[in-house]
Amino acid sequence: YNSQRVTIEGSVKKPGVYPVRGKTSLLQSIAMAEGLDPAAQDEIVVFRQVNGKRVAGKFDVAAIRDGSAEDPVIRNGDVIVVGHSGMKAAWQNFLKAVPAATSVAMFF
């Protein structure tokens, strides 16, 4: 089992190469990378080798979480890429730049 690995990159808190032990789902894999970054997109791409060719599948994390889509099983060698949302990132940067007192004062 130690030789089975999955690569998780992009907008996750801890990108890297992780061991896969037994049946592991996409959400479990994201959890191994300590979850999605606040600026992550809901759409994730999983790259896999099938019959010597690289194929890709796109998955909607929000749909998986709400039960309207299946949580796919991740296989040895898969590469999970979590995209970065520029709009979410801009909003997060804005919130970090606004002092707490200023944001409260704006509502009064």
N, C-alpha and C. Protein backbone atom coordinates (compact mmCIF):
# COMPACT_ATOMS: atom_id res chain seq x y z
N TYR A 1 0.80 -1.20 0.00
CA TYR A 1 0.00 0.00 0.00
C TYR A 1 0.84 1.26 0.00
N ASN A 2 2.05 1.22 0.56
CA ASN A 2 2.87 2.42 0.64
C ASN A 2 3.30 2.92 -0.72
N SER A 3 3.30 2.07 -1.75
CA SER A 3 3.73 2.51 -3.07
C SER A 3 2.59 3.19 -3.84
N GLN A 4 1.38 3.17 -3.32
CA GLN A 4 0.25 3.81 -3.99
C GLN A 4 0.15 5.25 -3.52
N ARG A 5 0.16 6.17 -4.52
CA ARG A 5 0.16 7.59 -4.18
C ARG A 5 -0.77 8.38 -5.09
N VAL A 6 -1.20 9.52 -4.57
CA VAL A 6 -2.00 10.47 -5.32
C VAL A 6 -1.36 11.85 -5.14
N THR A 7 -1.36 12.64 -6.20
CA THR A 7 -0.82 13.99 -6.14
C THR A 7 -1.98 14.97 -6.09
N ILE A 8 -1.91 15.90 -5.13
CA ILE A 8 -2.95 16.92 -4.99
C ILE A 8 -2.27 18.28 -5.08
N GLU A 9 -2.69 19.07 -6.07
CA GLU A 9 -2.05 20.36 -6.27
C GLU A 9 -3.09 21.44 -6.53
N GLY A 10 -2.63 22.68 -6.46
CA GLY A 10 -3.52 23.81 -6.71
C GLY A 10 -3.99 24.43 -5.41
N SER A 11 -5.23 24.86 -5.40
CA SER A 11 -5.79 25.62 -4.28
C SER A 11 -6.28 24.74 -3.13
N VAL A 12 -5.34 24.00 -2.56
CA VAL A 12 -5.59 23.26 -1.32
C VAL A 12 -4.63 23.80 -0.28
N LYS A 13 -4.93 23.55 0.98
CA LYS A 13 -4.10 24.10 2.05
C LYS A 13 -2.71 23.48 2.10
N LYS A 14 -2.60 22.19 1.74
CA LYS A 14 -1.30 21.53 1.80
C LYS A 14 -1.11 20.62 0.58
N PRO A 15 -0.73 21.22 -0.57
CA PRO A 15 -0.51 20.39 -1.76
C PRO A 15 0.64 19.42 -1.54
N GLY A 16 0.58 18.31 -2.25
CA GLY A 16 1.67 17.35 -2.12
C GLY A 16 1.30 15.99 -2.67
N VAL A 17 2.16 15.02 -2.40
CA VAL A 17 1.95 13.63 -2.80
C VAL A 17 1.57 12.87 -1.54
N TYR A 18 0.43 12.17 -1.60
CA TYR A 18 -0.11 11.48 -0.43
C TYR A 18 -0.28 10.00 -0.70
N PRO A 19 -0.06 9.17 0.32
CA PRO A 19 -0.30 7.73 0.14
C PRO A 19 -1.79 7.43 0.06
N VAL A 20 -2.13 6.46 -0.77
CA VAL A 20 -3.52 6.01 -0.90
C VAL A 20 -3.58 4.62 -0.31
N ARG A 21 -4.43 4.44 0.68
CA ARG A 21 -4.59 3.13 1.32
C ARG A 21 -6.04 2.70 1.20
N GLY A 22 -6.25 1.69 0.40
CA GLY A 22 -7.61 1.19 0.22
C GLY A 22 -8.43 2.14 -0.63
N LYS A 23 -9.74 1.99 -0.53
CA LYS A 23 -10.66 2.81 -1.32
C LYS A 23 -10.69 4.24 -0.76
N THR A 24 -10.31 5.20 -1.60
CA THR A 24 -10.25 6.60 -1.19
C THR A 24 -11.03 7.44 -2.19
N SER A 25 -11.90 8.30 -1.68
CA SER A 25 -12.72 9.14 -2.55
C SER A 25 -12.03 10.48 -2.79
N LEU A 26 -12.60 11.25 -3.71
CA LEU A 26 -12.08 12.58 -4.02
C LEU A 26 -12.12 13.47 -2.78
N LEU A 27 -13.25 13.48 -2.05
CA LEU A 27 -13.36 14.31 -0.86
C LEU A 27 -12.38 13.87 0.23
N GLN A 28 -12.17 12.58 0.37
CA GLN A 28 -11.19 12.10 1.34
C GLN A 28 -9.78 12.55 0.94
N SER A 29 -9.49 12.55 -0.35
CA SER A 29 -8.19 13.01 -0.83
C SER A 29 -7.99 14.49 -0.53
N ILE A 30 -9.01 15.28 -0.75
CA ILE A 30 -8.92 16.71 -0.45
C ILE A 30 -8.71 16.92 1.05
N ALA A 31 -9.35 16.11 1.86
CA ALA A 31 -9.17 16.20 3.31
C ALA A 31 -7.72 15.89 3.69
N MET A 32 -7.07 14.94 2.98
CA MET A 32 -5.67 14.64 3.26
C MET A 32 -4.79 15.87 3.04
N ALA A 33 -5.20 16.72 2.10
CA ALA A 33 -4.46 17.95 1.80
C ALA A 33 -4.96 19.11 2.68
N GLU A 34 -5.63 18.77 3.76
CA GLU A 34 -6.15 19.71 4.75
C GLU A 34 -7.23 20.64 4.21
N GLY A 35 -7.92 20.21 3.17
CA GLY A 35 -9.07 20.95 2.66
C GLY A 35 -8.73 21.95 1.58
N LEU A 36 -9.79 22.55 1.06
CA LEU A 36 -9.65 23.53 0.00
C LEU A 36 -9.21 24.87 0.55
N ASP A 37 -8.43 25.57 -0.22
CA ASP A 37 -8.05 26.94 0.07
C ASP A 37 -9.31 27.81 -0.06
N PRO A 38 -9.42 28.90 0.70
CA PRO A 38 -10.62 29.74 0.58
C PRO A 38 -10.88 30.26 -0.84
N ALA A 39 -9.85 30.37 -1.66
CA ALA A 39 -10.02 30.87 -3.02
C ALA A 39 -10.21 29.75 -4.05
N ALA A 40 -10.42 28.53 -3.61
CA ALA A 40 -10.55 27.39 -4.52
C ALA A 40 -11.86 27.44 -5.29
N GLN A 41 -11.82 26.96 -6.51
CA GLN A 41 -13.03 26.79 -7.30
C GLN A 41 -13.73 25.52 -6.87
N ASP A 42 -15.02 25.42 -7.17
CA ASP A 42 -15.76 24.20 -6.87
C ASP A 42 -15.44 23.08 -7.86
N GLU A 43 -14.97 23.44 -9.06
CA GLU A 43 -14.66 22.43 -10.06
C GLU A 43 -13.22 21.96 -9.91
N ILE A 44 -13.07 20.64 -9.90
CA ILE A 44 -11.76 20.01 -9.72
C ILE A 44 -11.55 19.06 -10.90
N VAL A 45 -10.30 18.98 -11.36
CA VAL A 45 -9.97 18.08 -12.45
C VAL A 45 -9.08 16.96 -11.91
N VAL A 46 -9.41 15.73 -12.28
CA VAL A 46 -8.61 14.57 -11.90
C VAL A 46 -8.03 13.99 -13.19
N PHE A 47 -6.68 13.90 -13.23
CA PHE A 47 -5.98 13.31 -14.36
C PHE A 47 -5.61 11.88 -14.00
N ARG A 48 -5.77 10.98 -14.99
CA ARG A 48 -5.52 9.55 -14.75
C ARG A 48 -4.97 8.92 -16.02
N GLN A 49 -4.10 7.92 -15.87
CA GLN A 49 -3.60 7.14 -17.00
C GLN A 49 -4.56 5.97 -17.24
N VAL A 50 -5.09 5.87 -18.45
CA VAL A 50 -5.98 4.77 -18.82
C VAL A 50 -5.49 4.21 -20.15
N ASN A 51 -5.09 2.94 -20.15
CA ASN A 51 -4.57 2.28 -21.35
C ASN A 51 -3.45 3.08 -22.00
N GLY A 52 -2.55 3.62 -21.17
CA GLY A 52 -1.40 4.36 -21.67
C GLY A 52 -1.68 5.78 -22.10
N LYS A 53 -2.92 6.23 -21.95
CA LYS A 53 -3.26 7.60 -22.33
C LYS A 53 -3.71 8.38 -21.10
N ARG A 54 -3.39 9.66 -21.11
CA ARG A 54 -3.81 10.52 -20.00
C ARG A 54 -5.20 11.06 -20.29
N VAL A 55 -6.11 10.80 -19.36
CA VAL A 55 -7.47 11.30 -19.48
C VAL A 55 -7.77 12.20 -18.28
N ALA A 56 -8.81 13.02 -18.43
CA ALA A 56 -9.17 13.94 -17.36
C ALA A 56 -10.67 13.88 -17.12
N GLY A 57 -11.05 14.06 -15.86
CA GLY A 57 -12.45 14.14 -15.50
C GLY A 57 -12.65 15.37 -14.63
N LYS A 58 -13.75 16.09 -14.87
CA LYS A 58 -14.05 17.29 -14.11
C LYS A 58 -15.16 16.98 -13.12
N PHE A 59 -14.98 17.42 -11.87
CA PHE A 59 -15.94 17.14 -10.80
C PHE A 59 -16.29 18.41 -10.05
N ASP A 60 -17.54 18.52 -9.66
CA ASP A 60 -18.05 19.67 -8.92
C ASP A 60 -18.12 19.31 -7.45
N VAL A 61 -17.24 19.88 -6.63
CA VAL A 61 -17.16 19.55 -5.21
C VAL A 61 -18.45 19.93 -4.48
N ALA A 62 -19.05 21.06 -4.84
CA ALA A 62 -20.29 21.47 -4.19
C ALA A 62 -21.40 20.44 -4.43
N ALA A 63 -21.48 19.92 -5.65
CA ALA A 63 -22.49 18.91 -5.98
C ALA A 63 -22.21 17.60 -5.24
N ILE A 64 -20.94 17.24 -5.10
CA ILE A 64 -20.59 16.02 -4.36
C ILE A 64 -20.99 16.19 -2.90
N ARG A 65 -20.68 17.35 -2.34
CA ARG A 65 -20.99 17.59 -0.92
C ARG A 65 -22.48 17.60 -0.64
N ASP A 66 -23.28 18.13 -1.57
CA ASP A 66 -24.72 18.18 -1.30
C ASP A 66 -25.45 16.90 -1.73
N GLY A 67 -24.68 15.93 -2.23
CA GLY A 67 -25.26 14.63 -2.55
C GLY A 67 -25.86 14.51 -3.93
N SER A 68 -25.78 15.56 -4.75
CA SER A 68 -26.37 15.49 -6.08
C SER A 68 -25.40 14.89 -7.12
N ALA A 69 -24.15 14.62 -6.71
CA ALA A 69 -23.18 13.96 -7.59
C ALA A 69 -22.40 12.94 -6.75
N GLU A 70 -21.93 11.90 -7.42
CA GLU A 70 -21.16 10.85 -6.76
C GLU A 70 -19.77 11.37 -6.40
N ASP A 71 -19.23 10.85 -5.30
CA ASP A 71 -17.87 11.14 -4.88
C ASP A 71 -16.98 10.07 -5.52
N PRO A 72 -16.22 10.42 -6.58
CA PRO A 72 -15.47 9.40 -7.32
C PRO A 72 -14.33 8.78 -6.50
N VAL A 73 -14.03 7.54 -6.82
CA VAL A 73 -12.92 6.84 -6.18
C VAL A 73 -11.63 7.27 -6.86
N ILE A 74 -10.65 7.60 -6.05
CA ILE A 74 -9.34 8.01 -6.54
C ILE A 74 -8.44 6.78 -6.61
N ARG A 75 -7.65 6.69 -7.66
CA ARG A 75 -6.77 5.54 -7.87
C ARG A 75 -5.31 5.94 -7.76
N ASN A 76 -4.48 4.95 -7.56
CA ASN A 76 -3.04 5.15 -7.52
C ASN A 76 -2.58 5.90 -8.78
N GLY A 77 -1.78 6.94 -8.58
CA GLY A 77 -1.23 7.69 -9.69
C GLY A 77 -2.07 8.86 -10.15
N ASP A 78 -3.29 8.99 -9.63
CA ASP A 78 -4.14 10.12 -10.03
C ASP A 78 -3.51 11.44 -9.62
N VAL A 79 -3.77 12.47 -10.42
CA VAL A 79 -3.35 13.83 -10.10
C VAL A 79 -4.60 14.68 -9.98
N ILE A 80 -4.82 15.24 -8.81
CA ILE A 80 -5.99 16.06 -8.53
C ILE A 80 -5.55 17.52 -8.59
N VAL A 81 -6.21 18.31 -9.44
CA VAL A 81 -5.86 19.72 -9.59
C VAL A 81 -7.07 20.56 -9.20
N VAL A 82 -6.86 21.39 -8.18
CA VAL A 82 -7.92 22.28 -7.69
C VAL A 82 -7.63 23.67 -8.23
N GLY A 83 -8.58 24.20 -9.00
CA GLY A 83 -8.40 25.52 -9.60
C GLY A 83 -8.54 26.65 -8.59
N HIS A 84 -8.09 27.82 -9.02
CA HIS A 84 -8.09 29.02 -8.19
C HIS A 84 -9.09 30.00 -8.78
N SER A 85 -9.99 30.49 -7.97
CA SER A 85 -10.97 31.46 -8.43
C SER A 85 -10.45 32.86 -8.16
N GLY A 86 -10.22 33.63 -9.20
CA GLY A 86 -9.74 35.00 -9.06
C GLY A 86 -10.70 35.87 -8.28
N MET A 87 -12.00 35.68 -8.47
CA MET A 87 -12.99 36.49 -7.77
C MET A 87 -12.97 36.17 -6.27
N LYS A 88 -12.92 34.89 -5.93
CA LYS A 88 -12.86 34.52 -4.52
C LYS A 88 -11.58 35.05 -3.88
N ALA A 89 -10.48 34.96 -4.63
CA ALA A 89 -9.20 35.43 -4.11
C ALA A 89 -9.24 36.94 -3.87
N ALA A 90 -9.81 37.67 -4.80
CA ALA A 90 -9.91 39.12 -4.65
C ALA A 90 -10.75 39.47 -3.42
N TRP A 91 -11.85 38.76 -3.22
CA TRP A 91 -12.71 39.01 -2.06
C TRP A 91 -11.95 38.70 -0.76
N GLN A 92 -11.25 37.58 -0.72
CA GLN A 92 -10.48 37.21 0.47
C GLN A 92 -9.40 38.25 0.77
N ASN A 93 -8.73 38.74 -0.27
CA ASN A 93 -7.71 39.77 -0.08
C ASN A 93 -8.32 41.07 0.41
N PHE A 94 -9.49 41.40 -0.10
CA PHE A 94 -10.19 42.60 0.37
C PHE A 94 -10.54 42.48 1.85
N LEU A 95 -11.07 41.31 2.24
CA LEU A 95 -11.44 41.11 3.65
C LEU A 95 -10.23 41.18 4.57
N LYS A 96 -9.10 40.68 4.11
CA LYS A 96 -7.88 40.75 4.91
C LYS A 96 -7.38 42.18 5.06
N ALA A 97 -7.62 43.01 4.05
CA ALA A 97 -7.12 44.38 4.05
C ALA A 97 -7.99 45.34 4.87
N VAL A 98 -9.26 44.98 5.08
CA VAL A 98 -10.18 45.87 5.80
C VAL A 98 -10.07 45.60 7.29
N PRO A 99 -9.70 46.61 8.07
CA PRO A 99 -9.65 46.41 9.53
C PRO A 99 -11.05 46.11 10.08
N ALA A 100 -11.10 45.30 11.12
CA ALA A 100 -12.38 44.88 11.70
C ALA A 100 -13.23 46.07 12.12
N ALA A 101 -12.65 47.06 12.78
CA ALA A 101 -13.41 48.22 13.25
C ALA A 101 -14.03 48.99 12.08
N THR A 102 -13.32 49.11 10.97
CA THR A 102 -13.81 49.82 9.80
C THR A 102 -15.01 49.12 9.21
N SER A 103 -14.94 47.78 9.12
CA SER A 103 -16.06 47.05 8.53
C SER A 103 -17.31 47.15 9.41
N VAL A 104 -17.15 47.19 10.73
CA VAL A 104 -18.29 47.35 11.62
C VAL A 104 -18.86 48.75 11.49
N ALA A 105 -17.98 49.74 11.42
CA ALA A 105 -18.41 51.13 11.33
C ALA A 105 -19.20 51.40 10.05
N MET A 106 -18.94 50.67 8.99
CA MET A 106 -19.64 50.88 7.73
C MET A 106 -21.13 50.55 7.83
N PHE A 107 -21.52 49.73 8.79
CA PHE A 107 -22.91 49.32 8.91
C PHE A 107 -23.73 50.18 9.86
N PHE A 108 -23.12 51.17 10.47
CA PHE A 108 -23.85 52.02 11.44
C PHE A 108 -23.96 53.44 10.94
